[in-house]
Amino acid sequence: MRLLFAFLLLWPTLLRADDLEVDVELFLAVDVSRSMSPAELEIQRRGYAEAITSPQVLDAIANGLLGRIAVTYVEWAGEYSQRVIVPWTLLSTEEEAKAIAHQITARFDAGLRRTSISGALLYAAGDFEDNGFHGLRRVIDVSGDGPNNQGRPVTGARDAALEAGFIINGLPLMTTDALSEIWGIPDLDIYYKNCVIGGPGAFVIPVLDWDQFAGAVKRKLVLEIAGQPARVQPAQYSPPPAYDCLIGEKMWEQNRAYFDIP
């Protein structure tokens, strides 16, 4: 981890001369842990595809200083479970947006085990290296339906990314079902605010119902591309004086007998 942190701190001095400059390098980190049903996984992919091809998102891109961004779409679950669906790709036209949307919805894969937000953040931070782009801003966008329960503590991974100049935004999925009763927490938006996001203008947009998902993604992408401060839905709860960012790890130890099959 120390070597990764050192690289991230030196990143601005290691840019290649042939990197294409873009307004934003946007890493979409999408949760596919098994607490989500196949139907929900499909809703996620279709929601991102719909948002990326929307007139609002395309207008936000066109109105940028350079009129182009770079984007990658990566699904994540456990500490070392990251699945690249769309590698780093230029997005500046409607045709390019449709091609990315097609990649996202070409197939629908099964979920993966565990939830490691820290693993997703560390993977994302390293994935910007040699991606062929140089963004005026570098954004890691994390969606998820539960707290970190595997790998390094999430605050350490977050702080390393912020130290390196990344912005981290959050899309906490606060829908309810049988699995969320075991693995979810009712104040996931507060968890994301205290333990996951950070950087200039960082924000959280909670999703309370799957019918809201595509609209929330669209709004999130517009804000990230435009680089504007977000006016987001207030958190449902007031944060305690000292928030426990290890709550997910503690819940796993308490409930692992339900699903920790050898």
Protein backbone atom coordinates (compact mmCIF):
# COMPACT_ATOMS: atom_id res chain seq x y z
CA MET A 1 0.00 0.00 0.00
CA ARG A 2 2.89 2.38 0.75
CA LEU A 3 4.17 2.01 -2.82
CA LEU A 4 0.71 2.78 -4.20
CA PHE A 5 0.38 5.84 -1.98
CA ALA A 6 3.82 7.07 -3.12
CA PHE A 7 2.85 6.65 -6.76
CA LEU A 8 -0.42 8.50 -6.28
CA LEU A 9 1.40 11.44 -4.71
CA LEU A 10 3.82 11.59 -7.65
CA TRP A 11 1.10 11.11 -10.29
CA PRO A 12 1.06 14.72 -11.62
CA THR A 13 4.77 14.50 -12.44
CA LEU A 14 4.44 11.19 -14.29
CA LEU A 15 1.98 12.19 -17.01
CA ARG A 16 2.88 11.08 -20.51
CA ALA A 17 3.21 13.68 -23.23
CA ASP A 18 0.82 11.80 -25.51
CA ASP A 19 -2.06 11.60 -22.99
CA LEU A 20 -5.25 13.13 -24.39
CA GLU A 21 -6.45 16.01 -22.24
CA VAL A 22 -10.09 15.80 -21.16
CA ASP A 23 -12.35 17.74 -18.83
CA VAL A 24 -12.84 14.80 -16.46
CA GLU A 25 -11.47 11.31 -15.97
CA LEU A 26 -14.48 9.52 -14.49
CA PHE A 27 -14.19 6.10 -12.87
CA LEU A 28 -17.64 4.53 -12.37
CA ALA A 29 -17.31 1.95 -9.58
CA VAL A 30 -20.56 -0.05 -9.46
CA ASP A 31 -21.43 -2.46 -6.64
CA VAL A 32 -22.40 -6.00 -7.72
CA SER A 33 -22.22 -7.76 -4.36
CA ARG A 34 -24.57 -10.69 -3.82
CA SER A 35 -26.84 -8.66 -1.58
CA MET A 36 -28.24 -7.39 -4.89
CA SER A 37 -30.64 -9.51 -6.95
CA PRO A 38 -30.15 -10.24 -10.68
CA ALA A 39 -33.04 -7.85 -11.43
CA GLU A 40 -31.31 -5.07 -9.48
CA LEU A 41 -28.02 -5.71 -11.25
CA GLU A 42 -29.81 -5.32 -14.58
CA ILE A 43 -31.51 -2.12 -13.40
CA GLN A 44 -28.08 -0.71 -12.57
CA ARG A 45 -26.60 -1.38 -15.99
CA ARG A 46 -29.64 -0.16 -17.87
CA GLY A 47 -29.77 2.93 -15.66
CA TYR A 48 -26.17 3.87 -16.44
CA ALA A 49 -26.70 3.20 -20.14
CA GLU A 50 -29.79 5.42 -20.15
CA ALA A 51 -28.01 8.20 -18.28
CA ILE A 52 -24.88 8.19 -20.43
CA THR A 53 -26.92 8.61 -23.63
CA SER A 54 -29.28 11.23 -22.18
CA PRO A 55 -29.38 14.74 -23.69
CA GLN A 56 -28.60 16.21 -20.26
CA VAL A 57 -25.34 14.29 -19.89
CA LEU A 58 -24.31 14.89 -23.50
CA ASP A 59 -25.00 18.61 -23.08
CA ALA A 60 -22.89 18.70 -19.92
CA ILE A 61 -20.02 17.11 -21.83
CA ALA A 62 -20.38 19.48 -24.80
CA ASN A 63 -20.40 22.51 -22.51
CA GLY A 64 -17.12 21.58 -20.86
CA LEU A 65 -13.92 23.47 -21.50
CA LEU A 66 -12.68 20.77 -23.87
CA GLY A 67 -16.01 19.12 -24.69
CA ARG A 68 -14.83 15.60 -23.93
CA ILE A 69 -14.36 13.28 -20.96
CA ALA A 70 -12.85 9.84 -20.35
CA VAL A 71 -14.89 7.18 -18.61
CA THR A 72 -14.54 3.61 -17.40
CA TYR A 73 -17.25 1.35 -15.95
CA VAL A 74 -16.04 -1.22 -13.44
CA GLU A 75 -18.13 -3.52 -11.26
CA TRP A 76 -16.81 -4.42 -7.83
CA ALA A 77 -17.60 -6.57 -4.79
CA GLY A 78 -14.89 -8.18 -2.63
CA GLU A 79 -11.40 -6.82 -2.00
CA TYR A 80 -9.95 -8.28 -5.19
CA SER A 81 -13.18 -8.63 -7.17
CA GLN A 82 -13.25 -5.96 -9.87
CA ARG A 83 -14.80 -6.60 -13.29
CA VAL A 84 -14.07 -4.16 -16.13
CA ILE A 85 -17.15 -3.74 -18.32
CA VAL A 86 -16.01 -0.62 -20.20
CA PRO A 87 -12.27 0.13 -20.25
CA TRP A 88 -11.07 3.73 -20.32
CA THR A 89 -12.88 5.28 -23.30
CA LEU A 90 -13.25 8.74 -24.81
CA LEU A 91 -16.77 10.18 -24.56
CA SER A 92 -17.51 13.32 -26.54
CA THR A 93 -20.29 12.48 -29.03
CA GLU A 94 -23.69 10.82 -29.09
CA GLU A 95 -22.25 7.96 -31.13
CA GLU A 96 -19.55 7.32 -28.54
CA ALA A 97 -22.17 7.43 -25.77
CA LYS A 98 -24.32 4.84 -27.58
CA ALA A 99 -21.29 2.58 -28.06
CA ILE A 100 -20.51 2.76 -24.31
CA ALA A 101 -24.16 2.09 -23.44
CA HIS A 102 -24.10 -0.96 -25.71
CA GLN A 103 -21.01 -2.29 -23.92
CA ILE A 104 -22.73 -1.87 -20.57
CA THR A 105 -25.93 -3.69 -21.60
CA ALA A 106 -24.49 -6.28 -23.99
CA ARG A 107 -24.74 -8.90 -21.25
CA PHE A 108 -25.78 -9.16 -17.62
CA ASP A 109 -23.41 -10.96 -15.27
CA ALA A 110 -24.02 -12.52 -11.87
CA GLY A 111 -23.07 -10.82 -8.64
CA LEU A 112 -19.86 -11.39 -6.71
CA ARG A 113 -19.14 -12.06 -3.03
CA ARG A 114 -18.53 -9.55 -0.23
CA THR A 115 -18.38 -5.74 -0.15
CA SER A 116 -15.02 -3.97 -0.18
CA ILE A 117 -15.37 -0.26 -0.87
CA SER A 118 -11.72 0.12 0.12
CA GLY A 119 -10.72 -2.46 -2.49
CA ALA A 120 -12.72 -0.59 -5.12
CA LEU A 121 -11.10 2.74 -4.19
CA LEU A 122 -7.56 1.36 -4.24
CA TYR A 123 -8.18 -0.39 -7.56
CA ALA A 124 -9.70 2.76 -9.03
CA ALA A 125 -6.84 5.00 -7.90
CA GLY A 126 -4.28 2.73 -9.49
CA ASP A 127 -6.31 2.30 -12.68
CA PHE A 128 -5.79 5.92 -13.71
CA GLU A 129 -2.14 5.13 -14.41
CA ASP A 130 -1.33 4.92 -18.13
CA ASN A 131 -4.99 5.12 -19.15
CA GLY A 132 -4.14 7.44 -22.06
CA PHE A 133 -5.93 10.49 -20.66
CA HIS A 134 -5.14 13.55 -18.55
CA GLY A 135 -8.19 14.99 -16.86
CA LEU A 136 -8.51 18.48 -15.49
CA ARG A 137 -10.38 16.64 -12.71
CA ARG A 138 -10.15 12.99 -11.64
CA VAL A 139 -13.35 11.58 -10.13
CA ILE A 140 -14.06 8.20 -8.54
CA ASP A 141 -17.79 7.58 -8.40
CA VAL A 142 -18.80 4.80 -5.99
CA SER A 143 -22.25 3.21 -5.78
CA GLY A 144 -23.10 0.57 -3.21
CA ASP A 145 -25.83 -0.94 -1.05
CA GLY A 146 -23.87 -1.55 2.13
CA PRO A 147 -20.83 -0.62 4.21
CA ASN A 148 -17.31 -1.96 3.73
CA ASN A 149 -16.96 -5.46 5.20
CA GLN A 150 -13.72 -6.79 3.69
CA GLY A 151 -10.21 -5.58 3.07
CA ARG A 152 -8.54 -2.48 4.44
CA PRO A 153 -10.53 0.05 6.45
CA VAL A 154 -12.38 2.28 4.01
CA THR A 155 -11.12 5.52 5.57
CA GLY A 156 -7.50 4.63 4.84
CA ALA A 157 -8.22 3.98 1.16
CA ARG A 158 -10.31 7.16 0.96
CA ASP A 159 -7.66 9.33 2.59
CA ALA A 160 -4.95 8.02 0.26
CA ALA A 161 -7.08 8.84 -2.80
CA LEU A 162 -7.87 12.32 -1.49
CA GLU A 163 -4.19 12.96 -0.75
CA ALA A 164 -3.46 12.16 -4.39
CA GLY A 165 -6.02 14.70 -5.61
CA PHE A 166 -8.97 12.48 -6.48
CA ILE A 167 -12.58 13.49 -5.85
CA ILE A 168 -14.83 10.72 -4.52
CA ASN A 169 -18.62 10.91 -4.86
CA GLY A 170 -21.19 8.43 -3.61
CA LEU A 171 -24.45 6.86 -4.73
CA PRO A 172 -25.67 4.88 -1.69
CA LEU A 173 -28.41 2.42 -2.63
CA MET A 174 -30.84 2.53 0.28
CA THR A 175 -33.56 0.25 -1.06
CA THR A 176 -34.91 -2.39 1.33
CA ASP A 177 -35.36 -6.15 1.03
CA ALA A 178 -34.62 -9.28 3.06
CA LEU A 179 -30.86 -9.10 2.53
CA SER A 180 -30.65 -5.42 3.40
CA GLU A 181 -32.16 -6.29 6.77
CA ILE A 182 -29.04 -8.39 7.46
CA TRP A 183 -26.24 -6.57 5.65
CA GLY A 184 -27.56 -3.05 5.18
CA ILE A 185 -27.61 -0.07 7.52
CA PRO A 186 -30.44 2.49 7.68
CA ASP A 187 -28.10 5.49 7.51
CA LEU A 188 -25.98 4.40 4.55
CA ASP A 189 -26.00 7.96 3.22
CA ILE A 190 -24.42 9.16 6.48
CA TYR A 191 -21.88 6.33 6.28
CA TYR A 192 -20.90 7.47 2.78
CA LYS A 193 -20.61 11.09 3.92
CA ASN A 194 -18.42 10.23 6.91
CA CYS A 195 -16.40 7.32 5.60
CA VAL A 196 -16.32 7.24 1.78
CA ILE A 197 -16.58 10.55 -0.10
CA GLY A 198 -14.26 13.54 -0.14
CA GLY A 199 -12.51 16.18 -2.21
CA PRO A 200 -13.65 19.54 -3.59
CA GLY A 201 -17.42 19.56 -4.17
CA ALA A 202 -17.84 15.89 -3.19
CA PHE A 203 -21.45 14.80 -2.74
CA VAL A 204 -23.81 11.94 -1.98
CA ILE A 205 -27.06 11.22 -3.82
CA PRO A 206 -29.09 8.52 -2.03
CA VAL A 207 -31.34 6.16 -3.99
CA LEU A 208 -34.34 5.14 -1.87
CA ASP A 209 -36.25 3.22 -4.54
CA TRP A 210 -35.10 1.45 -7.71
CA ASP A 211 -37.53 3.56 -9.73
CA GLN A 212 -35.30 6.53 -8.87
CA PHE A 213 -32.08 4.91 -10.02
CA ALA A 214 -31.73 6.07 -13.63
CA GLY A 215 -32.69 9.63 -12.71
CA ALA A 216 -30.22 9.70 -9.82
CA VAL A 217 -27.40 8.46 -12.06
CA LYS A 218 -28.22 11.07 -14.69
CA ARG A 219 -28.18 13.85 -12.11
CA LYS A 220 -24.93 12.56 -10.62
CA LEU A 221 -23.17 12.38 -13.99
CA VAL A 222 -24.25 15.90 -14.94
CA LEU A 223 -22.89 17.28 -11.66
CA GLU A 224 -19.62 15.37 -11.99
CA ILE A 225 -19.04 16.37 -15.59
CA ALA A 226 -19.99 20.01 -15.04
CA GLY A 227 -17.97 20.20 -11.83
CA GLN A 228 -20.74 22.10 -10.07
CA PRO A 229 -21.55 21.91 -6.36
CA ALA A 230 -24.39 19.51 -5.73
CA ARG A 231 -27.62 20.28 -3.96
CA VAL A 232 -28.45 16.79 -2.82
CA GLN A 233 -31.16 15.26 -0.72
CA PRO A 234 -30.39 15.81 2.98
CA ALA A 235 -29.28 12.77 4.94
CA GLN A 236 -32.07 10.99 6.78
CA TYR A 237 -30.30 11.05 10.12
CA SER A 238 -28.09 13.44 12.02
CA PRO A 239 -24.56 12.02 12.27
CA PRO A 240 -23.44 10.85 15.68
CA PRO A 241 -20.53 12.70 17.31
CA ALA A 242 -18.08 9.99 16.17
CA TYR A 243 -19.29 7.81 13.32
CA ASP A 244 -18.16 4.17 13.34
CA CYS A 245 -16.64 3.56 9.91
CA LEU A 246 -15.95 -0.07 10.85
CA ILE A 247 -19.63 -0.89 11.25
CA GLY A 248 -19.64 -3.11 8.16
CA GLU A 249 -16.74 -5.22 9.39
CA LYS A 250 -18.46 -5.64 12.77
CA MET A 251 -21.73 -6.65 11.10
CA TRP A 252 -19.89 -9.23 9.00
CA GLU A 253 -18.38 -10.87 12.07
CA GLN A 254 -21.80 -10.90 13.72
CA ASN A 255 -23.74 -12.26 10.72
CA ARG A 256 -21.19 -14.22 8.71
CA ALA A 257 -22.70 -17.56 9.73
CA TYR A 258 -25.63 -16.83 7.38
CA PHE A 259 -23.53 -16.89 4.23
CA ASP A 260 -19.91 -17.75 5.08
CA ILE A 261 -19.99 -21.22 3.55
CA PRO A 262 -16.58 -22.99 3.37
